N, C-alpha and C. Protein backbone atom coordinates (compact mmCIF):
# COMPACT_ATOMS: atom_id res chain seq x y z
N MET A 1 203.52 30.37 42.82
CA MET A 1 204.16 31.35 41.96
C MET A 1 203.16 31.76 40.89
N GLU A 2 202.99 33.05 40.69
CA GLU A 2 202.06 33.57 39.69
C GLU A 2 202.82 34.07 38.48
N ALA A 3 202.21 33.87 37.34
CA ALA A 3 202.80 34.38 36.10
C ALA A 3 201.86 35.39 35.50
N THR A 4 202.40 36.43 34.92
CA THR A 4 201.56 37.42 34.25
C THR A 4 201.69 37.25 32.75
N ILE A 5 200.61 37.47 32.07
CA ILE A 5 200.60 37.36 30.62
C ILE A 5 200.48 38.78 30.07
N PRO A 6 201.42 39.20 29.22
CA PRO A 6 201.32 40.57 28.69
C PRO A 6 200.06 40.74 27.85
N ALA A 7 199.46 41.93 27.95
CA ALA A 7 198.23 42.22 27.20
C ALA A 7 198.50 42.27 25.71
N LYS A 8 199.66 42.74 25.32
CA LYS A 8 200.03 42.84 23.91
C LYS A 8 201.32 42.08 23.70
N SER A 9 201.48 41.58 22.49
CA SER A 9 202.75 40.93 22.20
C SER A 9 203.86 41.97 22.22
N GLU A 10 204.97 41.58 22.72
CA GLU A 10 206.06 42.53 22.88
C GLU A 10 207.18 42.26 21.90
N GLY A 11 207.82 43.35 21.49
CA GLY A 11 208.98 43.25 20.62
C GLY A 11 210.24 43.21 21.47
N GLN A 12 211.32 43.65 20.93
CA GLN A 12 212.57 43.69 21.67
C GLN A 12 212.50 44.75 22.76
N ASN A 13 213.22 44.56 23.83
CA ASN A 13 213.31 45.48 24.95
C ASN A 13 211.96 45.70 25.63
N GLY A 14 211.01 44.77 25.48
CA GLY A 14 209.74 44.88 26.15
C GLY A 14 208.76 45.87 25.53
N ALA A 15 209.13 46.50 24.44
CA ALA A 15 208.25 47.48 23.81
C ALA A 15 207.21 46.77 22.95
N ALA A 16 205.99 47.30 22.97
CA ALA A 16 204.94 46.73 22.13
C ALA A 16 205.27 46.96 20.67
N ARG A 17 204.97 45.96 19.84
CA ARG A 17 205.22 46.11 18.41
C ARG A 17 204.18 47.02 17.80
N PRO A 18 204.58 47.96 16.98
CA PRO A 18 203.59 48.83 16.34
C PRO A 18 202.78 48.07 15.30
N ALA A 19 201.56 48.53 15.09
CA ALA A 19 200.71 47.92 14.06
C ALA A 19 201.32 48.20 12.69
N PRO A 20 201.16 47.30 11.73
CA PRO A 20 201.70 47.55 10.40
C PRO A 20 201.09 48.82 9.81
N ALA A 21 201.90 49.62 9.19
CA ALA A 21 201.43 50.88 8.64
C ALA A 21 200.68 50.64 7.34
N GLU A 22 199.55 51.34 7.21
CA GLU A 22 198.80 51.28 5.95
C GLU A 22 199.55 52.08 4.90
N ILE A 23 199.37 51.69 3.67
CA ILE A 23 199.99 52.40 2.55
C ILE A 23 198.87 53.07 1.77
N VAL A 24 198.93 54.39 1.65
CA VAL A 24 197.92 55.12 0.90
C VAL A 24 198.28 55.02 -0.58
N LEU A 25 197.41 54.36 -1.34
CA LEU A 25 197.65 54.18 -2.77
C LEU A 25 197.13 55.36 -3.58
N ARG A 26 196.01 55.94 -3.12
CA ARG A 26 195.41 57.05 -3.86
C ARG A 26 194.46 57.82 -2.96
N GLU A 27 194.44 59.14 -3.11
CA GLU A 27 193.49 59.99 -2.40
C GLU A 27 192.55 60.60 -3.42
N PHE A 28 191.27 60.64 -3.06
CA PHE A 28 190.23 61.19 -3.93
C PHE A 28 189.73 62.50 -3.35
N PRO A 29 188.95 63.28 -4.13
CA PRO A 29 188.39 64.53 -3.59
C PRO A 29 187.51 64.25 -2.37
N ASP A 30 187.52 65.19 -1.42
CA ASP A 30 186.71 65.05 -0.22
C ASP A 30 185.23 65.02 -0.58
N VAL A 31 184.47 64.31 0.24
CA VAL A 31 183.01 64.28 0.11
C VAL A 31 182.49 64.88 1.41
N GLY A 32 182.17 66.17 1.38
CA GLY A 32 181.77 66.86 2.60
C GLY A 32 182.92 66.85 3.59
N LYS A 33 182.65 66.36 4.81
CA LYS A 33 183.68 66.31 5.84
C LYS A 33 184.46 65.00 5.82
N TYR A 34 184.22 64.17 4.79
CA TYR A 34 184.86 62.86 4.70
C TYR A 34 185.99 62.86 3.69
N LYS A 35 187.07 62.19 4.05
CA LYS A 35 188.18 61.97 3.12
C LYS A 35 188.03 60.57 2.54
N VAL A 36 188.30 60.46 1.25
CA VAL A 36 188.17 59.18 0.56
C VAL A 36 189.55 58.76 0.07
N ARG A 37 189.97 57.56 0.51
CA ARG A 37 191.30 57.07 0.15
C ARG A 37 191.24 55.60 -0.21
N LEU A 38 192.14 55.19 -1.08
CA LEU A 38 192.36 53.78 -1.36
C LEU A 38 193.65 53.40 -0.65
N VAL A 39 193.56 52.45 0.27
CA VAL A 39 194.74 52.07 1.05
C VAL A 39 195.01 50.58 0.91
N GLN A 40 196.26 50.22 1.16
CA GLN A 40 196.68 48.83 1.20
C GLN A 40 196.98 48.53 2.66
N LYS A 41 196.54 47.37 3.16
CA LYS A 41 196.69 47.06 4.58
C LYS A 41 198.13 47.20 5.06
N SER A 42 199.06 46.58 4.36
CA SER A 42 200.47 46.66 4.72
C SER A 42 201.30 46.13 3.56
N ARG A 43 202.60 46.19 3.72
CA ARG A 43 203.47 45.65 2.66
C ARG A 43 203.29 44.14 2.52
N ARG A 44 203.03 43.48 3.64
CA ARG A 44 202.87 42.02 3.61
C ARG A 44 201.47 41.59 3.17
N ASP A 45 200.48 42.45 3.38
CA ASP A 45 199.09 42.11 3.05
C ASP A 45 198.61 43.05 1.94
N PRO A 46 198.52 42.58 0.70
CA PRO A 46 198.20 43.46 -0.42
C PRO A 46 196.72 43.80 -0.58
N LYS A 47 195.86 43.42 0.37
CA LYS A 47 194.43 43.71 0.24
C LYS A 47 194.20 45.21 0.18
N LYS A 48 193.35 45.61 -0.78
CA LYS A 48 193.03 47.02 -0.94
C LYS A 48 191.72 47.33 -0.23
N ILE A 49 191.68 48.52 0.38
CA ILE A 49 190.52 48.94 1.15
C ILE A 49 190.13 50.35 0.72
N LEU A 50 188.83 50.55 0.44
CA LEU A 50 188.31 51.89 0.20
C LEU A 50 187.95 52.45 1.58
N ASP A 51 188.65 53.50 1.99
CA ASP A 51 188.51 54.07 3.32
C ASP A 51 187.82 55.43 3.20
N ILE A 52 186.60 55.54 3.73
CA ILE A 52 185.85 56.81 3.71
C ILE A 52 185.62 57.18 5.16
N ARG A 53 186.38 58.16 5.66
CA ARG A 53 186.29 58.52 7.08
C ARG A 53 186.33 60.01 7.29
N GLU A 54 185.71 60.41 8.39
CA GLU A 54 185.70 61.81 8.78
C GLU A 54 187.11 62.22 9.20
N TYR A 55 187.50 63.43 8.78
CA TYR A 55 188.80 63.97 9.15
C TYR A 55 188.54 65.26 9.92
N VAL A 56 189.13 65.38 11.11
CA VAL A 56 188.92 66.54 11.97
C VAL A 56 190.21 67.34 12.03
N ASN A 57 190.06 68.65 11.92
CA ASN A 57 191.19 69.55 12.05
C ASN A 57 190.79 70.61 13.08
N ALA A 58 190.94 70.27 14.37
CA ALA A 58 190.52 71.14 15.46
C ALA A 58 191.73 71.43 16.35
N PRO A 59 191.63 72.44 17.23
CA PRO A 59 192.76 72.76 18.11
C PRO A 59 193.15 71.61 19.04
N THR A 60 192.18 70.77 19.42
CA THR A 60 192.47 69.69 20.37
C THR A 60 192.78 68.36 19.70
N PHE A 61 192.41 68.21 18.44
CA PHE A 61 192.63 66.94 17.75
C PHE A 61 192.72 67.17 16.26
N GLN A 62 193.66 66.49 15.63
CA GLN A 62 193.78 66.55 14.17
C GLN A 62 194.02 65.13 13.67
N GLY A 63 193.13 64.68 12.78
CA GLY A 63 193.31 63.36 12.21
C GLY A 63 191.98 62.70 11.90
N PHE A 64 192.07 61.40 11.54
CA PHE A 64 190.89 60.64 11.19
C PHE A 64 190.15 60.22 12.46
N THR A 65 188.83 60.26 12.40
CA THR A 65 188.02 59.77 13.50
C THR A 65 187.58 58.35 13.20
N ARG A 66 186.78 57.78 14.08
CA ARG A 66 186.27 56.43 13.86
C ARG A 66 185.00 56.45 13.02
N ARG A 67 184.49 57.63 12.72
CA ARG A 67 183.27 57.74 11.92
C ARG A 67 183.61 57.52 10.45
N GLY A 68 182.98 56.53 9.86
CA GLY A 68 183.20 56.26 8.45
C GLY A 68 183.08 54.78 8.16
N VAL A 69 183.49 54.41 6.98
CA VAL A 69 183.43 53.01 6.57
C VAL A 69 184.72 52.60 5.88
N ARG A 70 184.98 51.31 5.96
CA ARG A 70 186.11 50.71 5.26
C ARG A 70 185.56 49.54 4.48
N ILE A 71 185.73 49.56 3.16
CA ILE A 71 185.17 48.54 2.29
C ILE A 71 186.31 47.79 1.61
N MET A 72 186.30 46.46 1.77
CA MET A 72 187.31 45.63 1.12
C MET A 72 187.02 45.65 -0.38
N VAL A 73 187.95 46.15 -1.17
CA VAL A 73 187.74 46.35 -2.60
C VAL A 73 187.44 45.05 -3.32
N ASP A 74 188.24 44.02 -3.11
CA ASP A 74 188.07 42.77 -3.85
C ASP A 74 186.77 42.05 -3.50
N GLU A 75 186.31 42.19 -2.26
CA GLU A 75 185.17 41.41 -1.80
C GLU A 75 183.85 42.17 -1.86
N GLU A 76 183.84 43.47 -1.59
CA GLU A 76 182.58 44.17 -1.37
C GLU A 76 182.30 45.33 -2.33
N LEU A 77 183.27 45.71 -3.13
CA LEU A 77 183.08 46.88 -3.98
C LEU A 77 182.00 46.67 -5.04
N SER A 78 181.90 45.48 -5.59
CA SER A 78 180.88 45.24 -6.61
C SER A 78 179.48 45.37 -6.01
N LYS A 79 179.30 44.97 -4.77
CA LYS A 79 178.01 45.12 -4.10
C LYS A 79 177.67 46.60 -3.91
N LEU A 80 178.67 47.38 -3.48
CA LEU A 80 178.45 48.82 -3.29
C LEU A 80 178.14 49.49 -4.62
N ARG A 81 178.85 49.11 -5.67
CA ARG A 81 178.61 49.69 -7.00
C ARG A 81 177.18 49.42 -7.44
N ALA A 82 176.67 48.21 -7.24
CA ALA A 82 175.30 47.86 -7.61
C ALA A 82 174.29 48.71 -6.83
N ILE A 83 174.56 48.92 -5.54
CA ILE A 83 173.66 49.74 -4.73
C ILE A 83 173.66 51.19 -5.21
N LEU A 84 174.84 51.74 -5.48
CA LEU A 84 174.93 53.12 -5.95
C LEU A 84 174.27 53.29 -7.32
N ASP A 85 174.44 52.31 -8.22
CA ASP A 85 173.78 52.36 -9.53
C ASP A 85 172.27 52.33 -9.37
N ASP A 86 171.78 51.51 -8.46
CA ASP A 86 170.34 51.43 -8.20
C ASP A 86 169.80 52.76 -7.67
N ILE A 87 170.54 53.38 -6.77
CA ILE A 87 170.12 54.68 -6.22
C ILE A 87 170.11 55.74 -7.32
N ALA A 88 171.15 55.74 -8.16
CA ALA A 88 171.27 56.75 -9.21
C ALA A 88 170.19 56.61 -10.30
N THR A 89 169.75 55.40 -10.56
CA THR A 89 168.78 55.18 -11.64
C THR A 89 167.34 55.10 -11.18
N SER A 90 167.11 55.03 -9.87
CA SER A 90 165.73 54.90 -9.39
C SER A 90 165.05 56.28 -9.42
N PRO A 91 163.78 56.33 -9.79
CA PRO A 91 163.07 57.60 -9.84
C PRO A 91 162.78 58.13 -8.44
N GLY A 92 162.87 59.45 -8.31
CA GLY A 92 162.50 60.13 -7.06
C GLY A 92 163.47 59.88 -6.00
């Protein structure tokens, strides 16, 4: 007798459980073709993420692409700030 293991965990009625929805805390002005947002992972996970991603508005697709970066605010933002300060103050 063979048993199959579902690829994804299933909710009620065999339907896959949706991923927890991110909560957009704040939107900033666009930087070129990139949208800049501060998001919270979910209601259960209060970690804040700086999300800088390309947004496409085309006839075949509308939404965020995979191009961009996500920076954990509590863990990595101070490192990014130091790098940006160094770039801004360095000559040439």
